[in-house]
Amino acid sequence: MARKAPSKARKSPLPRLLSNPFVLALAAVAGVFAIAMGVATLTGGSSGGESGKPAPVQQAAQQQANGQQASGQQASGQQAVQPPPVQSPPVPAAKVEPPAPAPQSTAQTETESTGKAAAEKPAPAEFRPPATTVAMLPPPAPPSQPPVQAPSGNAALWRKNALPAEVPQGKPMIAIVIDDMGVDRKRSNRMAALHGPLTLSWLPYARDLQVQARAARANGHELMLHMPMEPSVKADPGPNALLVSLDRGEIVKRVRGALDSFDGYVGVNNHMGSRFTADRAALAPVLAELHRRGLLWLDSRTTPNSAGIGLARELKMPWIGRDIFLDNQDTVAAVKAQLAKTEQVARRQGYAVAIGHPHDATIDALASWMPDVQKRGFVLVPVSTLVRMRHTGG
């Protein structure tokens, strides 16, 4: 009989090793491990304890951030390595040399070289030559007018401009000084029209000062300059007055401006000035300028604390002080009473200086007093005559 052919070929059985579940599990673990190693290799890791190198992108970032070599990292059994934080390079304060610097770009090398050069070689401005210390000294004072010795004897300006006068021996002398001349033109003209001699003291800011002063001098009166100075009370001494708040240079400037306002006068007395004349430091350059020009100083004594006479004595310049104010009360009777006191002072000390102002009451009182003063044994003189007879200096 013919044998029946098999309908399907029998499959050959698998080896028993591959059909073992333990072997299959081990193979699965090996596969997972292989995949992990591949991932680690792609992310910069290493296997077998070798020192891995950072990925090219990571290396470029690290070189651009800090320019140092990346440290080796152990990546066995790790899936990813976190890159180190990027730190800004410190500003070079001194020369810093790392033990193993990594290659740097050209820009980084130039920057670091510049920092090293600045630290190693200071800039020239930090080491200035000793000569620069001279520039720190105060600048020299601007050249002032050269000092001039005060003229002496008959060469002094106050003597040249003095009104000639003859004084009989043994008779008391009275000098009448009228301040504030020139501003009130009407009353100034009335005062200058009186028969003198009077000593008329003119404010430097009066209009047509030179014309007014020359007319008064032609009428037989002596001339003085009435210098505006700061009072201690609330009153306006006028423009360009001398103030204690001014520095020495400004005081001298204002004094010279006033002294140049006109000519022909013998000296200066103070207009107001109770505060200024009491300030020795402020008044000193004023009297020094008068002495330099050969002028006399009449202290109006608007304060008992005036330093004027003491300074004049120290300078050995010609000076005199006021004895009586005529018109603190602006009435004819009050002025005549003060004129009587002036006569008493003249009899006691041989002379007297009285100061008044171009007021109507003062003009009227003087107009009636002067014609009879000589009958009572007095001599009316300009102030320079008293200075000449009482002063032994220039």
Protein backbone atom coordinates (compact mmCIF):
# COMPACT_ATOMS: atom_id res chain seq x y z
CA MET A 1 0.00 0.00 0.00
CA ALA A 2 1.15 3.42 -0.65
CA ARG A 3 2.07 5.53 2.45
CA LYS A 4 0.04 8.70 3.02
CA ALA A 5 2.13 11.88 2.75
CA PRO A 6 1.93 14.24 5.76
CA SER A 7 -0.25 17.29 5.13
CA LYS A 8 1.98 19.82 7.11
CA ALA A 9 5.65 19.86 7.90
CA ARG A 10 6.39 19.72 11.62
CA LYS A 11 8.19 22.71 13.06
CA SER A 12 11.57 22.09 14.60
CA PRO A 13 11.43 22.70 18.34
CA LEU A 14 13.35 25.83 19.83
CA PRO A 15 16.41 25.24 21.83
CA ARG A 16 15.64 24.84 25.43
CA LEU A 17 18.00 27.70 26.40
CA LEU A 18 15.96 30.28 24.50
CA SER A 19 12.76 29.04 25.92
CA ASN A 20 14.05 29.64 29.49
CA PRO A 21 12.19 32.63 31.08
CA PHE A 22 15.23 33.65 33.10
CA VAL A 23 17.31 34.01 29.98
CA LEU A 24 14.64 36.12 28.33
CA ALA A 25 14.48 38.46 31.34
CA LEU A 26 18.25 38.83 31.36
CA ALA A 27 18.20 39.67 27.67
CA ALA A 28 15.58 42.35 28.27
CA VAL A 29 17.67 43.93 31.02
CA ALA A 30 20.72 43.89 28.73
CA GLY A 31 18.74 45.64 26.03
CA VAL A 32 17.56 48.37 28.35
CA PHE A 33 21.15 48.85 29.59
CA ALA A 34 22.40 49.10 26.03
CA ILE A 35 19.81 51.76 25.23
CA ALA A 36 20.80 53.73 28.35
CA MET A 37 24.46 53.57 27.41
CA GLY A 38 23.66 54.89 23.98
CA VAL A 39 21.71 57.81 25.38
CA ALA A 40 24.53 58.55 27.79
CA THR A 41 27.02 58.53 24.96
CA LEU A 42 24.92 60.94 22.89
CA THR A 43 24.54 63.42 25.82
CA GLY A 44 28.27 63.52 26.63
CA GLY A 45 28.53 60.69 29.09
CA SER A 46 31.17 57.94 29.13
CA SER A 47 31.33 54.27 29.98
CA GLY A 48 33.87 52.05 31.54
CA GLY A 49 35.33 54.87 33.85
CA GLU A 50 36.87 56.92 30.97
CA SER A 51 36.95 60.75 31.23
CA GLY A 52 34.30 62.06 28.88
CA LYS A 53 34.57 65.27 26.89
CA PRO A 54 31.82 67.94 26.77
CA ALA A 55 29.66 68.17 23.71
CA PRO A 56 30.79 70.71 21.11
CA VAL A 57 27.85 73.08 21.76
CA GLN A 58 28.37 72.90 25.52
CA GLN A 59 32.15 73.46 25.11
CA ALA A 60 31.62 76.56 22.98
CA ALA A 61 29.19 78.01 25.53
CA GLN A 62 31.57 77.38 28.39
CA GLN A 63 34.58 78.82 26.51
CA GLN A 64 32.60 81.97 25.65
CA ALA A 65 31.35 82.39 29.25
CA ASN A 66 34.47 81.88 31.36
CA GLY A 67 37.27 80.70 29.02
CA GLN A 68 38.35 77.84 31.28
CA GLN A 69 38.71 74.11 30.62
CA ALA A 70 35.64 72.04 31.54
CA SER A 71 36.19 69.49 34.27
CA GLY A 72 35.79 65.84 33.49
CA GLN A 73 32.65 64.29 34.69
CA GLN A 74 31.92 60.69 35.65
CA ALA A 75 28.82 59.60 33.77
CA SER A 76 28.61 55.88 34.60
CA GLY A 77 25.03 54.88 35.31
CA GLN A 78 23.71 58.39 34.54
CA GLN A 79 21.36 59.37 31.79
CA ALA A 80 22.28 63.13 31.56
CA VAL A 81 24.86 65.52 33.02
CA GLN A 82 23.78 69.03 34.14
CA PRO A 83 26.23 71.69 32.81
CA PRO A 84 27.88 73.98 35.39
CA PRO A 85 26.32 77.46 35.93
CA VAL A 86 27.77 80.25 33.81
CA GLN A 87 29.49 83.02 35.81
CA SER A 88 30.46 86.49 34.58
CA PRO A 89 34.23 87.02 34.55
CA PRO A 90 35.39 89.40 37.32
CA VAL A 91 36.94 92.75 36.43
CA PRO A 92 40.73 92.33 36.72
CA ALA A 93 41.97 94.33 39.70
CA ALA A 94 45.36 92.65 39.59
CA LYS A 95 47.23 90.10 37.56
CA VAL A 96 45.42 86.74 37.81
CA GLU A 97 46.83 83.69 36.14
CA PRO A 98 44.83 80.46 36.42
CA PRO A 99 46.90 77.27 36.58
CA ALA A 100 45.69 75.90 33.24
CA PRO A 101 43.86 78.50 31.16
CA ALA A 102 41.91 77.25 28.25
CA PRO A 103 42.37 78.73 24.77
CA GLN A 104 40.49 82.03 24.49
CA SER A 105 39.21 84.05 21.63
CA THR A 106 41.03 87.11 20.30
CA ALA A 107 38.54 89.53 21.89
CA GLN A 108 38.89 87.86 25.30
CA THR A 109 42.69 87.95 25.06
CA GLU A 110 42.72 91.65 24.22
CA THR A 111 40.34 92.48 27.06
CA GLU A 112 42.31 90.52 29.62
CA SER A 113 45.61 91.90 28.35
CA THR A 114 44.24 95.42 28.67
CA GLY A 115 43.10 94.71 32.23
CA LYS A 116 46.52 93.24 33.10
CA ALA A 117 48.32 96.19 31.59
CA ALA A 118 46.13 98.63 33.54
CA ALA A 119 46.84 96.75 36.75
CA GLU A 120 50.58 96.35 36.14
CA LYS A 121 51.25 99.86 34.74
CA PRO A 122 49.17 102.66 36.35
CA ALA A 123 47.87 105.43 34.18
CA PRO A 124 50.05 108.58 34.07
CA ALA A 125 47.28 110.65 35.71
CA GLU A 126 47.59 108.60 38.92
CA PHE A 127 51.23 109.62 39.40
CA ARG A 128 51.37 113.38 38.90
CA PRO A 129 54.75 115.07 39.03
CA PRO A 130 55.54 117.10 42.14
CA ALA A 131 55.29 120.32 40.16
CA THR A 132 51.50 119.98 40.08
CA THR A 133 51.34 120.69 43.82
CA VAL A 134 52.26 124.30 43.08
CA ALA A 135 48.98 124.72 41.20
CA MET A 136 47.09 123.87 44.39
CA LEU A 137 48.49 126.94 46.16
CA PRO A 138 46.29 130.08 46.30
CA PRO A 139 46.74 132.25 43.22
CA PRO A 140 48.84 135.34 43.73
CA ALA A 141 46.93 138.46 44.68
CA PRO A 142 46.24 140.77 41.76
CA PRO A 143 48.67 143.66 41.58
CA SER A 144 47.31 146.62 43.47
CA GLN A 145 48.29 150.22 43.33
CA PRO A 146 51.88 150.49 44.54
CA PRO A 147 52.16 151.86 48.06
CA VAL A 148 52.95 155.54 48.16
CA GLN A 149 54.48 157.26 51.15
CA ALA A 150 52.23 159.98 52.49
CA PRO A 151 53.64 163.41 51.67
CA SER A 152 54.82 165.38 54.67
CA GLY A 153 54.95 169.02 55.58
CA ASN A 154 53.76 171.55 53.06
CA ALA A 155 53.80 168.88 50.32
CA ALA A 156 50.75 167.17 51.84
CA LEU A 157 47.56 167.53 49.80
CA TRP A 158 45.51 168.72 52.75
CA ARG A 159 47.92 171.61 53.22
CA LYS A 160 47.88 172.51 49.52
CA ASN A 161 44.06 172.62 49.44
CA ALA A 162 43.67 174.36 52.81
CA LEU A 163 41.98 177.74 52.95
CA PRO A 164 44.48 180.37 54.11
CA ALA A 165 43.66 181.83 57.52
CA GLU A 166 45.42 183.99 60.06
CA VAL A 167 44.74 183.36 63.71
CA PRO A 168 45.46 185.99 66.36
CA GLN A 169 47.34 184.57 69.31
CA GLY A 170 45.39 183.70 72.43
CA LYS A 171 41.90 183.68 70.94
CA PRO A 172 39.74 180.50 70.97
CA MET A 173 38.98 179.13 67.52
CA ILE A 174 35.76 177.63 66.17
CA ALA A 175 35.39 175.58 63.00
CA ILE A 176 31.87 175.09 61.63
CA VAL A 177 31.58 172.00 59.35
CA ILE A 178 28.42 171.56 57.26
CA ASP A 179 27.75 167.98 56.12
CA ASP A 180 25.46 166.54 53.41
CA MET A 181 26.31 169.26 50.92
CA GLY A 182 25.38 168.95 47.25
CA VAL A 183 22.25 166.78 47.22
CA ASP A 184 19.77 169.53 48.16
CA ARG A 185 20.98 172.10 45.65
CA LYS A 186 18.76 174.94 46.89
CA ARG A 187 19.80 174.73 50.54
CA SER A 188 23.39 173.90 49.64
CA ASN A 189 23.55 177.14 47.63
CA ARG A 190 22.06 179.09 50.54
CA MET A 191 24.64 177.68 52.92
CA ALA A 192 27.50 178.39 50.51
CA ALA A 193 26.31 181.98 50.13
CA LEU A 194 26.94 182.72 53.84
CA HIS A 195 29.93 184.79 54.76
CA GLY A 196 32.48 182.34 56.14
CA PRO A 197 34.79 180.81 56.41
CA LEU A 198 32.85 177.55 56.73
CA THR A 199 34.05 174.02 55.97
CA LEU A 200 31.60 172.38 53.56
CA SER A 201 31.64 168.58 53.29
CA TRP A 202 30.18 167.23 50.03
CA LEU A 203 28.51 163.88 49.38
CA PRO A 204 30.29 162.06 46.52
CA TYR A 205 27.06 161.12 44.75
CA ALA A 206 25.77 164.72 44.42
CA ARG A 207 25.08 165.96 40.90
CA ASP A 208 27.42 168.51 39.32
CA LEU A 209 29.65 168.02 42.31
CA GLN A 210 32.75 169.62 40.86
CA VAL A 211 30.80 172.72 39.75
CA GLN A 212 29.12 173.14 43.13
CA ALA A 213 32.33 172.62 45.07
CA ARG A 214 34.33 175.10 43.03
CA ALA A 215 31.64 177.76 43.44
CA ALA A 216 31.71 177.28 47.21
CA ARG A 217 35.51 177.44 47.28
CA ALA A 218 35.41 180.66 45.27
CA ASN A 219 33.07 182.11 47.92
CA GLY A 220 35.69 181.60 50.63
CA HIS A 221 34.78 178.19 52.05
CA GLU A 222 36.98 175.14 52.61
CA LEU A 223 36.03 171.80 51.04
CA MET A 224 35.83 168.26 52.41
CA LEU A 225 34.48 164.91 51.18
CA HIS A 226 31.59 163.41 53.16
CA MET A 227 32.14 159.63 52.92
CA PRO A 228 28.96 157.48 53.18
CA MET A 229 29.33 154.70 55.76
CA GLU A 230 27.05 152.09 57.28
CA PRO A 231 25.03 153.23 60.32
CA SER A 232 23.95 151.04 63.23
CA VAL A 233 20.34 152.22 62.86
CA LYS A 234 17.97 151.57 59.99
CA ALA A 235 18.89 154.38 57.62
CA ASP A 236 20.15 154.63 54.06
CA PRO A 237 23.64 156.16 53.79
CA GLY A 238 23.34 156.38 50.00
CA PRO A 239 24.86 154.57 47.03
CA ASN A 240 28.26 152.88 47.27
CA ALA A 241 28.39 153.30 51.03
CA LEU A 242 31.11 151.53 52.99
CA LEU A 243 29.68 148.44 54.69
CA VAL A 244 31.24 146.10 57.23
CA SER A 245 30.11 143.13 55.11
CA LEU A 246 32.36 144.17 52.21
CA ASP A 247 35.79 142.66 51.76
CA ARG A 248 38.88 144.82 51.93
CA GLY A 249 39.24 145.07 48.17
CA GLU A 250 35.69 146.34 47.67
CA ILE A 251 36.06 148.85 50.52
CA VAL A 252 39.21 150.30 48.96
CA LYS A 253 37.53 150.36 45.54
CA ARG A 254 34.58 152.37 46.87
CA VAL A 255 36.83 154.72 48.83
CA ARG A 256 38.89 155.48 45.75
CA GLY A 257 35.78 156.04 43.67
CA ALA A 258 34.49 158.58 46.19
CA LEU A 259 37.85 160.31 46.51
CA ASP A 260 37.98 160.73 42.71
CA SER A 261 34.50 162.29 42.50
CA PHE A 262 35.93 165.82 42.74
CA ASP A 263 39.06 167.62 43.90
CA GLY A 264 40.22 170.58 45.96
CA TYR A 265 39.22 169.17 49.36
CA VAL A 266 41.44 168.89 52.44
CA GLY A 267 40.15 165.64 53.90
CA VAL A 268 37.29 163.28 54.68
CA ASN A 269 34.71 162.85 57.41
CA ASN A 270 32.11 160.12 57.80
CA HIS A 271 28.48 160.39 56.70
CA MET A 272 26.53 158.34 59.28
CA GLY A 273 28.91 155.38 59.85
CA SER A 274 28.15 154.55 63.49
CA ARG A 275 28.52 150.86 62.69
CA PHE A 276 31.33 151.09 60.15
CA THR A 277 33.63 153.40 62.14
CA ALA A 278 33.29 151.10 65.16
CA ASP A 279 34.72 148.21 63.10
CA ARG A 280 38.48 148.69 63.30
CA ALA A 281 39.29 146.13 60.59
CA ALA A 282 36.82 147.70 58.14
CA LEU A 283 37.94 151.28 58.82
CA ALA A 284 41.68 150.61 58.70
CA PRO A 285 42.04 150.48 54.86
CA VAL A 286 40.00 153.68 54.57
CA LEU A 287 42.33 155.71 56.73
CA ALA A 288 45.34 154.08 55.12
CA GLU A 289 44.15 155.34 51.73
CA LEU A 290 43.57 158.84 53.10
CA HIS A 291 47.04 158.84 54.61
CA ARG A 292 48.55 157.61 51.36
CA ARG A 293 46.96 160.54 49.52
CA GLY A 294 48.00 163.10 52.11
CA LEU A 295 44.48 163.90 53.37
CA LEU A 296 43.27 164.64 56.89
CA TRP A 297 40.62 162.69 58.82
CA LEU A 298 37.75 164.35 60.68
CA ASP A 299 35.96 161.84 62.89
CA SER A 300 32.31 162.89 63.10
CA ARG A 301 32.01 160.68 66.19
CA THR A 302 28.59 159.32 65.33
CA THR A 303 29.41 156.61 67.90
CA PRO A 304 31.53 156.74 71.05
CA ASN A 305 33.07 153.45 69.89
CA SER A 306 34.68 154.89 66.76
CA ALA A 307 38.12 153.50 65.98
CA GLY A 308 38.96 156.43 63.69
CA ILE A 309 41.06 158.58 66.00
CA GLY A 310 43.00 155.61 67.36
CA LEU A 311 43.87 154.45 63.84
CA ALA A 312 44.82 157.97 62.78
CA ARG A 313 47.20 158.25 65.71
CA GLU A 314 48.80 154.94 64.83
CA LEU A 315 49.25 156.06 61.22
CA LYS A 316 50.57 159.44 62.40
CA MET A 317 48.25 161.15 59.97
CA PRO A 318 46.50 164.51 60.48
CA TRP A 319 43.17 164.16 62.31
CA ILE A 320 40.63 165.96 64.48
CA GLY A 321 37.31 165.03 66.11
CA ARG A 322 33.88 166.60 66.29
CA ASP A 323 32.89 168.30 69.57
CA ILE A 324 29.28 169.49 69.05
CA PHE A 325 26.33 168.59 66.81
CA LEU A 326 24.36 171.72 66.00
CA ASP A 327 21.03 170.56 64.64
CA ASN A 328 19.86 167.30 66.16
CA GLN A 329 16.77 169.41 66.85
CA ASP A 330 15.81 171.26 63.70
CA THR A 331 14.78 174.62 65.15
CA VAL A 332 16.56 177.97 65.18
CA ALA A 333 16.43 178.15 68.99
CA ALA A 334 17.92 174.64 69.35
CA VAL A 335 20.73 175.42 66.90
CA LYS A 336 21.58 178.69 68.71
CA ALA A 337 21.72 176.78 71.99
CA GLN A 338 24.21 174.36 70.47
CA LEU A 339 26.27 177.26 69.15
CA ALA A 340 26.47 178.59 72.68
CA LYS A 341 27.78 175.18 73.84
CA THR A 342 30.34 175.33 71.05
CA GLU A 343 31.65 178.62 72.45
CA GLN A 344 31.96 177.05 75.89
CA VAL A 345 34.03 174.14 74.53
CA ALA A 346 36.26 176.56 72.60
CA ARG A 347 36.93 178.66 75.72
CA ARG A 348 37.76 175.52 77.72
CA GLN A 349 40.13 173.75 75.28
CA GLY A 350 41.12 176.58 72.96
CA TYR A 351 39.18 175.35 69.95
CA ALA A 352 35.95 173.57 69.02
CA VAL A 353 34.55 171.72 66.00
CA ALA A 354 30.80 171.89 65.44
CA ILE A 355 28.96 169.94 62.70
CA GLY A 356 25.62 170.94 61.17
CA HIS A 357 23.62 170.36 57.99
CA PRO A 358 22.06 172.50 55.25
CA HIS A 359 18.70 172.85 56.99
CA ASP A 360 16.69 176.07 56.98
CA ALA A 361 16.92 176.41 60.76
CA THR A 362 20.69 175.87 60.73
CA ILE A 363 21.19 178.40 57.90
CA ASP A 364 19.13 181.03 59.70
CA ALA A 365 20.84 180.44 63.04
CA LEU A 366 24.32 180.70 61.52
CA ALA A 367 23.39 183.83 59.54
CA SER A 368 22.57 185.63 62.78
CA TRP A 369 25.40 184.12 64.87
CA MET A 370 28.47 184.58 62.63
CA PRO A 371 28.55 188.41 62.41
CA ASP A 372 28.81 188.71 66.22
CA VAL A 373 31.10 185.74 67.02
CA GLN A 374 34.29 187.78 66.69
CA LYS A 375 32.84 190.48 68.97
CA ARG A 376 32.66 187.84 71.67
CA GLY A 377 36.37 187.10 71.29
CA PHE A 378 36.26 184.01 69.02
CA VAL A 379 37.86 183.39 65.67
CA LEU A 380 35.95 181.49 62.96
CA VAL A 381 38.43 179.29 61.05
CA PRO A 382 38.38 176.43 58.52
CA VAL A 383 38.96 172.98 59.98
CA SER A 384 42.41 172.70 58.40
CA THR A 385 43.61 175.57 60.59
CA LEU A 386 42.77 173.62 63.74
CA VAL A 387 44.50 170.53 62.36
CA ARG A 388 47.57 172.52 61.44
CA MET A 389 47.83 174.08 64.88
CA ARG A 390 46.98 170.94 66.87
CA HIS A 391 48.68 168.30 64.76
CA THR A 392 52.40 167.73 64.53
CA GLY A 393 52.39 165.09 61.79
CA GLY A 394 52.06 165.34 58.02
